[in-house]
Every structure is written in structure tokens, then in C-alpha cells.
Amino acid sequence: MTNKVLAILSYITIIGWLIAYFKNKDNKPKSEVVTYHLEQGLGLFIVSVVLNVVLSVITSIFPSLYFINFIGIVLLIIWIIGIVHAANEEKKPLPLIGKMFEGQFGFLHG
């Protein structure tokens, strides 16, 4: 698989992320672009899971706040932007959350 495909896969579900991680781990030398998008993809996955749990709890306690679930659309847009950056092989952080995850996952670099 090419580095472009691996970078895109890092955003496509956790299974795609795992495939990209193990393929990049086997590459000598590792691709910086793929590693960067692995960080961004994992960060987006973590934010998505946490946000979905929090929103589920809030809407179960306060059903009248169901409209806050539209925050998921923001995550969808961020996800699409990440895939576009990966397809263009650019090392650009995801909007709103990307800077938080730059260099945060040491196991990706080792």
C-alpha cells in the first residue's frame, strides 16, 4: 500500500487505523505523513467516543436537549477534512482538535 492510502486509512474506522498502523510500523523508514495522520485519526477517534458518551448521558438526563447531538455533524466535517489532508499528503492539523494531538502518541514514533 502507498503512503497516501495508509494516511487515508488512518481515518477509516479503528480497523482501518490498525491496518495503517501495522503497515507503517513495518515500513523502513516510517512515513512521517502516515505517522502524522495516525496521530490525527486516533485523536479524532478518542474525541468522538468521549463526546458521544457525554452527549448520550446529557440527552438521557435532559431529553429536551436532543438538538446538541448535531455536534456530530461537526465531527463528520472534521473527519472529511482529515481525509482530504491525507489524500493530498499534507501534514495539516484537524480543525479545532488537531493541535492537541500533535506528538502526543509516542508509540507511533518509536
PDB file of N, CA and C in Angstrom:
ATOM      1  N   MET A   1       0.839  -1.184   0.000  1.00  0.00           N
ATOM      2  CA  MET A   1       0.000   0.000   0.000  1.00  0.00           C
ATOM      3  C   MET A   1       0.881   1.243   0.000  1.00  0.00           C
ATOM      4  N   THR A   2       0.410   2.263  -0.682  1.00  0.00           N
ATOM      5  CA  THR A   2       1.169   3.503  -0.724  1.00  0.00           C
ATOM      6  C   THR A   2       0.946   4.288   0.565  1.00  0.00           C
ATOM      7  N   ASN A   3       1.824   5.247   0.799  1.00  0.00           N
ATOM      8  CA  ASN A   3       1.691   6.101   1.980  1.00  0.00           C
ATOM      9  C   ASN A   3       0.395   6.896   1.948  1.00  0.00           C
ATOM     10  N   LYS A   4      -0.036   7.298   0.762  1.00  0.00           N
ATOM     11  CA  LYS A   4      -1.289   8.047   0.644  1.00  0.00           C
ATOM     12  C   LYS A   4      -2.464   7.187   1.114  1.00  0.00           C
ATOM     13  N   VAL A   5      -2.495   5.940   0.688  1.00  0.00           N
ATOM     14  CA  VAL A   5      -3.578   5.030   1.079  1.00  0.00           C
ATOM     15  C   VAL A   5      -3.546   4.786   2.593  1.00  0.00           C
ATOM     16  N   LEU A   6      -2.359   4.602   3.140  1.00  0.00           N
ATOM     17  CA  LEU A   6      -2.237   4.383   4.583  1.00  0.00           C
ATOM     18  C   LEU A   6      -2.693   5.608   5.368  1.00  0.00           C
ATOM     19  N   ALA A   7      -2.341   6.800   4.881  1.00  0.00           N
ATOM     20  CA  ALA A   7      -2.760   8.028   5.559  1.00  0.00           C
ATOM     21  C   ALA A   7      -4.284   8.146   5.547  1.00  0.00           C
ATOM     22  N   ILE A   8      -4.906   7.820   4.429  1.00  0.00           N
ATOM     23  CA  ILE A   8      -6.375   7.874   4.342  1.00  0.00           C
ATOM     24  C   ILE A   8      -6.990   6.811   5.240  1.00  0.00           C
ATOM     25  N   LEU A   9      -6.422   5.612   5.252  1.00  0.00           N
ATOM     26  CA  LEU A   9      -6.944   4.528   6.084  1.00  0.00           C
ATOM     27  C   LEU A   9      -6.922   4.867   7.567  1.00  0.00           C
ATOM     28  N   SER A  10      -6.017   5.733   7.972  1.00  0.00           N
ATOM     29  CA  SER A  10      -5.920   6.074   9.390  1.00  0.00           C
ATOM     30  C   SER A  10      -7.154   6.807   9.904  1.00  0.00           C
ATOM     31  N   TYR A  11      -8.023   7.244   9.006  1.00  0.00           N
ATOM     32  CA  TYR A  11      -9.271   7.898   9.399  1.00  0.00           C
ATOM     33  C   TYR A  11     -10.490   6.989   9.235  1.00  0.00           C
ATOM     34  N   ILE A  12     -10.329   5.852   8.573  1.00  0.00           N
ATOM     35  CA  ILE A  12     -11.464   4.993   8.235  1.00  0.00           C
ATOM     36  C   ILE A  12     -11.627   3.916   9.309  1.00  0.00           C
ATOM     37  N   THR A  13     -12.419   4.165  10.288  1.00  0.00           N
ATOM     38  CA  THR A  13     -12.720   3.295  11.433  1.00  0.00           C
ATOM     39  C   THR A  13     -11.450   2.875  12.165  1.00  0.00           C
ATOM     40  N   ILE A  14     -11.628   2.283  13.302  1.00  0.00           N
ATOM     41  CA  ILE A  14     -10.486   1.847  14.094  1.00  0.00           C
ATOM     42  C   ILE A  14      -9.768   0.676  13.414  1.00  0.00           C
ATOM     43  N   ILE A  15     -10.481  -0.116  12.640  1.00  0.00           N
ATOM     44  CA  ILE A  15      -9.849  -1.227  11.911  1.00  0.00           C
ATOM     45  C   ILE A  15      -8.921  -0.676  10.826  1.00  0.00           C
ATOM     46  N   GLY A  16      -9.362   0.339  10.103  1.00  0.00           N
ATOM     47  CA  GLY A  16      -8.505   0.988   9.116  1.00  0.00           C
ATOM     48  C   GLY A  16      -7.291   1.606   9.767  1.00  0.00           C
ATOM     49  N   TRP A  17      -7.511   2.193  10.949  1.00  0.00           N
ATOM     50  CA  TRP A  17      -6.397   2.794  11.691  1.00  0.00           C
ATOM     51  C   TRP A  17      -5.374   1.723  12.049  1.00  0.00           C
ATOM     52  N   LEU A  18      -5.849   0.572  12.523  1.00  0.00           N
ATOM     53  CA  LEU A  18      -4.935  -0.513  12.901  1.00  0.00           C
ATOM     54  C   LEU A  18      -4.158  -1.039  11.694  1.00  0.00           C
ATOM     55  N   ILE A  19      -4.815  -1.172  10.568  1.00  0.00           N
ATOM     56  CA  ILE A  19      -4.126  -1.619   9.347  1.00  0.00           C
ATOM     57  C   ILE A  19      -3.031  -0.621   8.980  1.00  0.00           C
ATOM     58  N   ALA A  20      -3.370   0.666   8.989  1.00  0.00           N
ATOM     59  CA  ALA A  20      -2.383   1.701   8.653  1.00  0.00           C
ATOM     60  C   ALA A  20      -1.231   1.697   9.656  1.00  0.00           C
ATOM     61  N   TYR A  21      -1.553   1.508  10.934  1.00  0.00           N
ATOM     62  CA  TYR A  21      -0.517   1.496  11.974  1.00  0.00           C
ATOM     63  C   TYR A  21       0.472   0.360  11.755  1.00  0.00           C
ATOM     64  N   PHE A  22      -0.029  -0.863  11.549  1.00  0.00           N
ATOM     65  CA  PHE A  22       0.875  -2.006  11.397  1.00  0.00           C
ATOM     66  C   PHE A  22       1.645  -1.960  10.081  1.00  0.00           C
ATOM     67  N   LYS A  23       1.027  -1.482   9.022  1.00  0.00           N
ATOM     68  CA  LYS A  23       1.745  -1.347   7.740  1.00  0.00           C
ATOM     69  C   LYS A  23       2.842  -0.294   7.862  1.00  0.00           C
ATOM     70  N   ASN A  24       2.535   0.830   8.523  1.00  0.00           N
ATOM     71  CA  ASN A  24       3.538   1.891   8.686  1.00  0.00           C
ATOM     72  C   ASN A  24       4.655   1.434   9.617  1.00  0.00           C
ATOM     73  N   LYS A  25       4.305   0.622  10.611  1.00  0.00           N
ATOM     74  CA  LYS A  25       5.302   0.112  11.544  1.00  0.00           C
ATOM     75  C   LYS A  25       6.327  -0.764  10.824  1.00  0.00           C
ATOM     76  N   ASP A  26       5.856  -1.497   9.800  1.00  0.00           N
ATOM     77  CA  ASP A  26       6.747  -2.368   9.033  1.00  0.00           C
ATOM     78  C   ASP A  26       7.604  -1.607   8.027  1.00  0.00           C
ATOM     79  N   ASN A  27       7.185  -0.398   7.650  1.00  0.00           N
ATOM     80  CA  ASN A  27       7.948   0.407   6.684  1.00  0.00           C
ATOM     81  C   ASN A  27       9.266   0.855   7.292  1.00  0.00           C
ATOM     82  N   LYS A  28      10.300   0.764   6.513  1.00  0.00           N
ATOM     83  CA  LYS A  28      11.617   1.275   6.917  1.00  0.00           C
ATOM     84  C   LYS A  28      12.089   2.243   5.860  1.00  0.00           C
ATOM     85  N   PRO A  29      12.250   3.497   6.105  1.00  0.00           N
ATOM     86  CA  PRO A  29      11.861   4.216   7.323  1.00  0.00           C
ATOM     87  C   PRO A  29      10.356   4.488   7.329  1.00  0.00           C
ATOM     88  N   LYS A  30       9.849   4.799   8.517  1.00  0.00           N
ATOM     89  CA  LYS A  30       8.424   5.116   8.648  1.00  0.00           C
ATOM     90  C   LYS A  30       8.120   6.412   7.920  1.00  0.00           C
ATOM     91  N   SER A  31       6.934   6.476   7.360  1.00  0.00           N
ATOM     92  CA  SER A  31       6.496   7.691   6.685  1.00  0.00           C
ATOM     93  C   SER A  31       6.029   8.707   7.714  1.00  0.00           C
ATOM     94  N   GLU A  32       6.581   9.906   7.648  1.00  0.00           N
ATOM     95  CA  GLU A  32       6.168  10.974   8.567  1.00  0.00           C
ATOM     96  C   GLU A  32       4.727  11.387   8.322  1.00  0.00           C
ATOM     97  N   VAL A  33       4.308  11.372   7.061  1.00  0.00           N
ATOM     98  CA  VAL A  33       2.933  11.765   6.733  1.00  0.00           C
ATOM     99  C   VAL A  33       1.946  10.757   7.311  1.00  0.00           C
ATOM    100  N   VAL A  34       2.240   9.482   7.154  1.00  0.00           N
ATOM    101  CA  VAL A  34       1.343   8.451   7.689  1.00  0.00           C
ATOM    102  C   VAL A  34       1.302   8.531   9.219  1.00  0.00           C
ATOM    103  N   THR A  35       2.461   8.681   9.834  1.00  0.00           N
ATOM    104  CA  THR A  35       2.510   8.792  11.294  1.00  0.00           C
ATOM    105  C   THR A  35       1.704   9.996  11.772  1.00  0.00           C
ATOM    106  N   TYR A  36       1.826  11.110  11.076  1.00  0.00           N
ATOM    107  CA  TYR A  36       1.073  12.314  11.439  1.00  0.00           C
ATOM    108  C   TYR A  36      -0.435  12.054  11.366  1.00  0.00           C
ATOM    109  N   HIS A  37      -0.875  11.418  10.306  1.00  0.00           N
ATOM    110  CA  HIS A  37      -2.313  11.169  10.152  1.00  0.00           C
ATOM    111  C   HIS A  37      -2.794  10.058  11.090  1.00  0.00           C
ATOM    112  N   LEU A  38      -1.913   9.159  11.477  1.00  0.00           N
ATOM    113  CA  LEU A  38      -2.271   8.187  12.511  1.00  0.00           C
ATOM    114  C   LEU A  38      -2.552   8.912  13.833  1.00  0.00           C
ATOM    115  N   GLU A  39      -1.725   9.895  14.155  1.00  0.00           N
ATOM    116  CA  GLU A  39      -1.971  10.703  15.362  1.00  0.00           C
ATOM    117  C   GLU A  39      -3.307  11.433  15.280  1.00  0.00           C
ATOM    118  N   GLN A  40      -3.531  12.079  14.173  1.00  0.00           N
ATOM    119  CA  GLN A  40      -4.753  12.850  13.993  1.00  0.00           C
ATOM    120  C   GLN A  40      -5.984  11.939  14.005  1.00  0.00           C
ATOM    121  N   GLY A  41      -5.891  10.795  13.342  1.00  0.00           N
ATOM    122  CA  GLY A  41      -7.008   9.855  13.291  1.00  0.00           C
ATOM    123  C   GLY A  41      -7.335   9.270  14.655  1.00  0.00           C
ATOM    124  N   LEU A  42      -6.300   8.905  15.412  1.00  0.00           N
ATOM    125  CA  LEU A  42      -6.519   8.377  16.758  1.00  0.00           C
ATOM    126  C   LEU A  42      -7.110   9.450  17.665  1.00  0.00           C
ATOM    127  N   GLY A  43      -6.613  10.667  17.543  1.00  0.00           N
ATOM    128  CA  GLY A  43      -7.161  11.770  18.334  1.00  0.00           C
ATOM    129  C   GLY A  43      -8.624  12.014  18.015  1.00  0.00           C
ATOM    130  N   LEU A  44      -8.965  11.997  16.745  1.00  0.00           N
ATOM    131  CA  LEU A  44     -10.355  12.188  16.338  1.00  0.00           C
ATOM    132  C   LEU A  44     -11.234  11.056  16.864  1.00  0.00           C
ATOM    133  N   PHE A  45     -10.730   9.828  16.828  1.00  0.00           N
ATOM    134  CA  PHE A  45     -11.482   8.693  17.349  1.00  0.00           C
ATOM    135  C   PHE A  45     -11.740   8.860  18.848  1.00  0.00           C
ATOM    136  N   ILE A  46     -10.725   9.240  19.601  1.00  0.00           N
ATOM    137  CA  ILE A  46     -10.870   9.420  21.049  1.00  0.00           C
ATOM    138  C   ILE A  46     -11.875  10.529  21.349  1.00  0.00           C
ATOM    139  N   VAL A  47     -11.746  11.662  20.661  1.00  0.00           N
ATOM    140  CA  VAL A  47     -12.684  12.769  20.865  1.00  0.00           C
ATOM    141  C   VAL A  47     -14.103  12.339  20.515  1.00  0.00           C
ATOM    142  N   SER A  48     -14.270  11.592  19.444  1.00  0.00           N
ATOM    143  CA  SER A  48     -15.599  11.140  19.024  1.00  0.00           C
ATOM    144  C   SER A  48     -16.246  10.242  20.071  1.00  0.00           C
ATOM    145  N   VAL A  49     -15.482   9.285  20.585  1.00  0.00           N
ATOM    146  CA  VAL A  49     -16.025   8.364  21.580  1.00  0.00           C
ATOM    147  C   VAL A  49     -16.415   9.118  22.850  1.00  0.00           C
ATOM    148  N   VAL A  50     -15.513   9.956  23.353  1.00  0.00           N
ATOM    149  CA  VAL A  50     -15.791  10.705  24.572  1.00  0.00           C
ATOM    150  C   VAL A  50     -16.990  11.626  24.384  1.00  0.00           C
ATOM    151  N   LEU A  51     -17.011  12.340  23.277  1.00  0.00           N
ATOM    152  CA  LEU A  51     -18.110  13.267  23.017  1.00  0.00           C
ATOM    153  C   LEU A  51     -19.444  12.536  22.876  1.00  0.00           C
ATOM    154  N   ASN A  52     -19.439  11.390  22.215  1.00  0.00           N
ATOM    155  CA  ASN A  52     -20.681  10.627  22.075  1.00  0.00           C
ATOM    156  C   ASN A  52     -21.189  10.103  23.410  1.00  0.00           C
ATOM    157  N   VAL A  53     -20.287   9.674  24.275  1.00  0.00           N
ATOM    158  CA  VAL A  53     -20.702   9.210  25.601  1.00  0.00           C
ATOM    159  C   VAL A  53     -21.286  10.375  26.396  1.00  0.00           C
ATOM    160  N   VAL A  54     -20.598  11.505  26.390  1.00  0.00           N
ATOM    161  CA  VAL A  54     -21.074  12.679  27.131  1.00  0.00           C
ATOM    162  C   VAL A  54     -22.428  13.137  26.599  1.00  0.00           C
ATOM    163  N   LEU A  55     -22.563  13.224  25.291  1.00  0.00           N
ATOM    164  CA  LEU A  55     -23.833  13.665  24.714  1.00  0.00           C
ATOM    165  C   LEU A  55     -24.959  12.678  24.998  1.00  0.00           C
ATOM    166  N   SER A  56     -24.651  11.397  25.008  1.00  0.00           N
ATOM    167  CA  SER A  56     -25.678  10.400  25.326  1.00  0.00           C
ATOM    168  C   SER A  56     -26.165  10.548  26.758  1.00  0.00           C
ATOM    169  N   VAL A  57     -25.230  10.779  27.672  1.00  0.00           N
ATOM    170  CA  VAL A  57     -25.609  10.968  29.071  1.00  0.00           C
ATOM    171  C   VAL A  57     -26.451  12.231  29.222  1.00  0.00           C
ATOM    172  N   ILE A  58     -26.016  13.314  28.611  1.00  0.00           N
ATOM    173  CA  ILE A  58     -26.752  14.574  28.720  1.00  0.00           C
ATOM    174  C   ILE A  58     -28.155  14.447  28.154  1.00  0.00           C
ATOM    175  N   THR A  59     -28.278  13.849  26.985  1.00  0.00           N
ATOM    176  CA  THR A  59     -29.609  13.755  26.372  1.00  0.00           C
ATOM    177  C   THR A  59     -30.502  12.729  27.065  1.00  0.00           C
ATOM    178  N   SER A  60     -29.906  11.766  27.770  1.00  0.00           N
ATOM    179  CA  SER A  60     -30.752  10.845  28.528  1.00  0.00           C
ATOM    180  C   SER A  60     -31.264  11.499  29.806  1.00  0.00           C
ATOM    181  N   ILE A  61     -30.482  12.395  30.370  1.00  0.00           N
ATOM    182  CA  ILE A  61     -30.918  13.119  31.568  1.00  0.00           C
ATOM    183  C   ILE A  61     -31.867  14.251  31.197  1.00  0.00           C
ATOM    184  N   PHE A  62     -31.534  14.976  30.142  1.00  0.00           N
ATOM    185  CA  PHE A  62     -32.335  16.121  29.694  1.00  0.00           C
ATOM    186  C   PHE A  62     -32.771  15.894  28.243  1.00  0.00           C
ATOM    187  N   PRO A  63     -33.843  15.140  28.025  1.00  0.00           N
ATOM    188  CA  PRO A  63     -34.273  14.834  26.652  1.00  0.00           C
ATOM    189  C   PRO A  63     -34.559  16.072  25.807  1.00  0.00           C
ATOM    190  N   SER A  64     -34.883  17.172  26.430  1.00  0.00           N
ATOM    191  CA  SER A  64     -35.182  18.381  25.659  1.00  0.00           C
ATOM    192  C   SER A  64     -33.933  18.965  24.991  1.00  0.00           C
ATOM    193  N   LEU A  65     -32.773  18.477  25.367  1.00  0.00           N
ATOM    194  CA  LEU A  65     -31.518  18.960  24.764  1.00  0.00           C
ATOM    195  C   LEU A  65     -31.050  18.062  23.622  1.00  0.00           C
ATOM    196  N   TYR A  66     -31.953  17.322  23.017  1.00  0.00           N
ATOM    197  CA  TYR A  66     -31.600  16.394  21.940  1.00  0.00           C
ATOM    198  C   TYR A  66     -30.855  17.073  20.792  1.00  0.00           C
ATOM    199  N   PHE A  67     -31.115  18.368  20.590  1.00  0.00           N
ATOM    200  CA  PHE A  67     -30.518  19.089  19.459  1.00  0.00           C
ATOM    201  C   PHE A  67     -28.999  19.190  19.558  1.00  0.00           C
ATOM    202  N   ILE A  68     -28.425  18.998  20.749  1.00  0.00           N
ATOM    203  CA  ILE A  68     -26.961  19.080  20.851  1.00  0.00           C
ATOM    204  C   ILE A  68     -26.278  17.895  20.177  1.00  0.00           C
ATOM    205  N   ASN A  69     -27.044  16.889  19.820  1.00  0.00           N
ATOM    206  CA  ASN A  69     -26.465  15.765  19.081  1.00  0.00           C
ATOM    207  C   ASN A  69     -25.999  16.176  17.695  1.00  0.00           C
ATOM    208  N   PHE A  70     -26.400  17.354  17.248  1.00  0.00           N
ATOM    209  CA  PHE A  70     -25.947  17.845  15.950  1.00  0.00           C
ATOM    210  C   PHE A  70     -24.457  18.190  15.969  1.00  0.00           C
ATOM    211  N   ILE A  71     -23.854  18.153  17.131  1.00  0.00           N
ATOM    212  CA  ILE A  71     -22.399  18.330  17.223  1.00  0.00           C
ATOM    213  C   ILE A  71     -21.703  17.223  16.421  1.00  0.00           C
ATOM    214  N   GLY A  72     -22.372  16.104  16.279  1.00  0.00           N
ATOM    215  CA  GLY A  72     -21.825  15.008  15.479  1.00  0.00           C
ATOM    216  C   GLY A  72     -21.560  15.412  14.042  1.00  0.00           C
ATOM    217  N   ILE A  73     -22.328  16.352  13.535  1.00  0.00           N
ATOM    218  CA  ILE A  73     -22.102  16.849  12.167  1.00  0.00           C
ATOM    219  C   ILE A  73     -20.756  17.564  12.085  1.00  0.00           C
ATOM    220  N   VAL A  74     -20.401  18.266  13.154  1.00  0.00           N
ATOM    221  CA  VAL A  74     -19.097  18.941  13.197  1.00  0.00           C
ATOM    222  C   VAL A  74     -17.979  17.899  13.116  1.00  0.00           C
ATOM    223  N   LEU A  75     -18.131  16.796  13.845  1.00  0.00           N
ATOM    224  CA  LEU A  75     -17.126  15.731  13.790  1.00  0.00           C
ATOM    225  C   LEU A  75     -17.041  15.114  12.399  1.00  0.00           C
ATOM    226  N   LEU A  76     -18.173  14.974  11.732  1.00  0.00           N
ATOM    227  CA  LEU A  76     -18.180  14.457  10.362  1.00  0.00           C
ATOM    228  C   LEU A  76     -17.403  15.378   9.429  1.00  0.00           C
ATOM    229  N   ILE A  77     -17.600  16.669   9.568  1.00  0.00           N
ATOM    230  CA  ILE A  77     -16.883  17.642   8.732  1.00  0.00           C
ATOM    231  C   ILE A  77     -15.383  17.587   9.017  1.00  0.00           C
ATOM    232  N   ILE A  78     -15.017  17.493  10.299  1.00  0.00           N
ATOM    233  CA  ILE A  78     -13.600  17.394  10.671  1.00  0.00           C
ATOM    234  C   ILE A  78     -12.996  16.118  10.087  1.00  0.00           C
ATOM    235  N   TRP A  79     -13.749  15.028  10.126  1.00  0.00           N
ATOM    236  CA  TRP A  79     -13.292  13.752   9.579  1.00  0.00           C
ATOM    237  C   TRP A  79     -13.030  13.867   8.076  1.00  0.00           C
ATOM    238  N   ILE A  80     -13.945  14.508   7.362  1.00  0.00           N
ATOM    239  CA  ILE A  80     -13.780  14.691   5.912  1.00  0.00           C
ATOM    240  C   ILE A  80     -12.550  15.548   5.623  1.00  0.00           C
ATOM    241  N   ILE A  81     -12.357  16.594   6.393  1.00  0.00           N
ATOM    242  CA  ILE A  81     -11.180  17.452   6.213  1.00  0.00           C
ATOM    243  C   ILE A  81      -9.901  16.645   6.433  1.00  0.00           C
ATOM    244  N   GLY A  82      -9.893  15.786   7.433  1.00  0.00           N
ATOM    245  CA  GLY A  82      -8.727  14.930   7.679  1.00  0.00           C
ATOM    246  C   GLY A  82      -8.428  14.017   6.510  1.00  0.00           C
ATOM    247  N   ILE A  83      -9.459  13.432   5.931  1.00  0.00           N
ATOM    248  CA  ILE A  83      -9.264  12.557   4.771  1.00  0.00           C
ATOM    249  C   ILE A  83      -8.727  13.344   3.582  1.00  0.00           C
ATOM    250  N   VAL A  84      -9.222  14.555   3.391  1.00  0.00           N
ATOM    251  CA  VAL A  84      -8.729  15.396   2.288  1.00  0.00           C
ATOM    252  C   VAL A  84      -7.252  15.733   2.497  1.00  0.00           C
ATOM    253  N   HIS A  85      -6.877  16.091   3.726  1.00  0.00           N
ATOM    254  CA  HIS A  85      -5.465  16.373   4.007  1.00  0.00           C
ATOM    255  C   HIS A  85      -4.603  15.133   3.764  1.00  0.00           C
ATOM    256  N   ALA A  86      -5.109  13.976   4.164  1.00  0.00           N
ATOM    257  CA  ALA A  86      -4.356  12.731   3.947  1.00  0.00           C
ATOM    258  C   ALA A  86      -4.224  12.424   2.461  1.00  0.00           C
ATOM    259  N   ALA A  87      -5.290  12.633   1.702  1.00  0.00           N
ATOM    260  CA  ALA A  87      -5.254  12.368   0.258  1.00  0.00           C
ATOM    261  C   ALA A  87      -4.278  13.298  -0.452  1.00  0.00           C
ATOM    262  N   ASN A  88      -4.127  14.506   0.069  1.00  0.00           N
ATOM    263  CA  ASN A  88      -3.178  15.462  -0.510  1.00  0.00           C
ATOM    264  C   ASN A  88      -1.780  15.321   0.087  1.00  0.00           C
ATOM    265  N   GLU A  89      -1.620  14.354   0.992  1.00  0.00           N
ATOM    266  CA  GLU A  89      -0.354  14.101   1.687  1.00  0.00           C
ATOM    267  C   GLU A  89       0.186  15.348   2.372  1.00  0.00           C
ATOM    268  N   GLU A  90      -0.716  16.100   3.005  1.00  0.00           N
ATOM    269  CA  GLU A  90      -0.360  17.310   3.747  1.00  0.00           C
ATOM    270  C   GLU A  90      -0.341  17.001   5.238  1.00  0.00           C
ATOM    271  N   LYS A  91       0.604  17.595   5.935  1.00  0.00           N
ATOM    272  CA  LYS A  91       0.679  17.457   7.386  1.00  0.00           C
ATOM    273  C   LYS A  91       0.018  18.679   8.022  1.00  0.00           C
ATOM    274  N   LYS A  92      -1.304  18.747   7.912  1.00  0.00           N
ATOM    275  CA  LYS A  92      -2.064  19.843   8.497  1.00  0.00           C
ATOM    276  C   LYS A  92      -2.927  19.284   9.618  1.00  0.00           C
ATOM    277  N   PRO A  93      -2.996  19.998  10.751  1.00  0.00           N
ATOM    278  CA  PRO A  93      -3.822  19.505  11.854  1.00  0.00           C
ATOM    279  C   PRO A  93      -5.314  19.631  11.539  1.00  0.00           C
ATOM    280  N   LEU A  94      -6.078  18.756  12.171  1.00  0.00           N
ATOM    281  CA  LEU A  94      -7.532  18.835  12.037  1.00  0.00           C
ATOM    282  C   LEU A  94      -8.022  20.132  12.677  1.00  0.00           C
ATOM    283  N   PRO A  95      -9.064  20.730  12.130  1.00  0.00           N
ATOM    284  CA  PRO A  95      -9.595  21.952  12.746  1.00  0.00           C
ATOM    285  C   PRO A  95     -10.116  21.655  14.158  1.00  0.00           C
ATOM    286  N   LEU A  96      -9.978  22.607  15.027  1.00  0.00           N
ATOM    287  CA  LEU A  96     -10.469  22.594  16.408  1.00  0.00           C
ATOM    288  C   LEU A  96      -9.714  21.657  17.344  1.00  0.00           C
ATOM    289  N   ILE A  97      -9.368  20.456  16.913  1.00  0.00           N
ATOM    290  CA  ILE A  97      -8.800  19.466  17.832  1.00  0.00           C
ATOM    291  C   ILE A  97      -7.411  18.975  17.440  1.00  0.00           C
ATOM    292  N   GLY A  98      -6.982  19.219  16.235  1.00  0.00           N
ATOM    293  CA  GLY A  98      -5.755  18.626  15.710  1.00  0.00           C
ATOM    294  C   GLY A  98      -4.485  18.988  16.454  1.00  0.00           C
ATOM    295  N   LYS A  99      -4.356  20.226  16.883  1.00  0.00           N
ATOM    296  CA  LYS A  99      -3.128  20.661  17.578  1.00  0.00           C
ATOM    297  C   LYS A  99      -2.936  19.920  18.896  1.00  0.00           C
ATOM    298  N   MET A 100      -4.044  19.495  19.515  1.00  0.00           N
ATOM    299  CA  MET A 100      -3.953  18.793  20.805  1.00  0.00           C
ATOM    300  C   MET A 100      -3.232  17.461  20.680  1.00  0.00           C
ATOM    301  N   PHE A 101      -3.249  16.867  19.499  1.00  0.00           N
ATOM    302  CA  PHE A 101      -2.741  15.508  19.339  1.00  0.00           C
ATOM    303  C   PHE A 101      -1.407  15.434  18.618  1.00  0.00           C
ATOM    304  N   GLU A 102      -0.839  16.565  18.237  1.00  0.00           N
ATOM    305  CA  GLU A 102       0.464  16.533  17.567  1.00  0.00           C
ATOM    306  C   GLU A 102       1.536  16.097  18.558  1.00  0.00           C
ATOM    307  N   GLY A 103       2.194  14.986  18.272  1.00  0.00           N
ATOM    308  CA  GLY A 103       3.280  14.492  19.106  1.00  0.00           C
ATOM    309  C   GLY A 103       2.843  13.881  20.415  1.00  0.00           C
ATOM    310  N   GLN A 104       1.558  13.604  20.596  1.00  0.00           N
ATOM    311  CA  GLN A 104       1.057  13.089  21.869  1.00  0.00           C
ATOM    312  C   GLN A 104       1.130  11.574  22.015  1.00  0.00           C
ATOM    313  N   PHE A 105       1.247  10.859  20.921  1.00  0.00           N
ATOM    314  CA  PHE A 105       1.234   9.409  20.975  1.00  0.00           C
ATOM    315  C   PHE A 105       2.626   8.901  20.612  1.00  0.00           C
ATOM    316  N   GLY A 106       3.481   8.796  21.617  1.00  0.00           N
ATOM    317  CA  GLY A 106       4.880   8.419  21.411  1.00  0.00           C
ATOM    318  C   GLY A 106       5.064   7.059  20.757  1.00  0.00           C
ATOM    319  N   PHE A 107       4.156   6.126  21.015  1.00  0.00           N
ATOM    320  CA  PHE A 107       4.298   4.777  20.454  1.00  0.00           C
ATOM    321  C   PHE A 107       4.224   4.775  18.926  1.00  0.00           C
ATOM    322  N   LEU A 108       3.677   5.836  18.337  1.00  0.00           N
ATOM    323  CA  LEU A 108       3.611   5.908  16.879  1.00  0.00           C
ATOM    324  C   LEU A 108       4.957   6.261  16.268  1.00  0.00           C
ATOM    325  N   HIS A 109       5.797   6.903  17.041  1.00  0.00           N
ATOM    326  CA  HIS A 109       7.083   7.376  16.523  1.00  0.00           C
ATOM    327  C   HIS A 109       8.209   6.381  16.765  1.00  0.00           C
ATOM    328  N   GLY A 110       8.039   5.520  17.738  1.00  0.00           N
ATOM    329  CA  GLY A 110       9.117   4.603  18.128  1.00  0.00           C
ATOM    330  C   GLY A 110       9.291   3.420  17.262  1.00  0.00           C
TER     331      GLY A 110
END
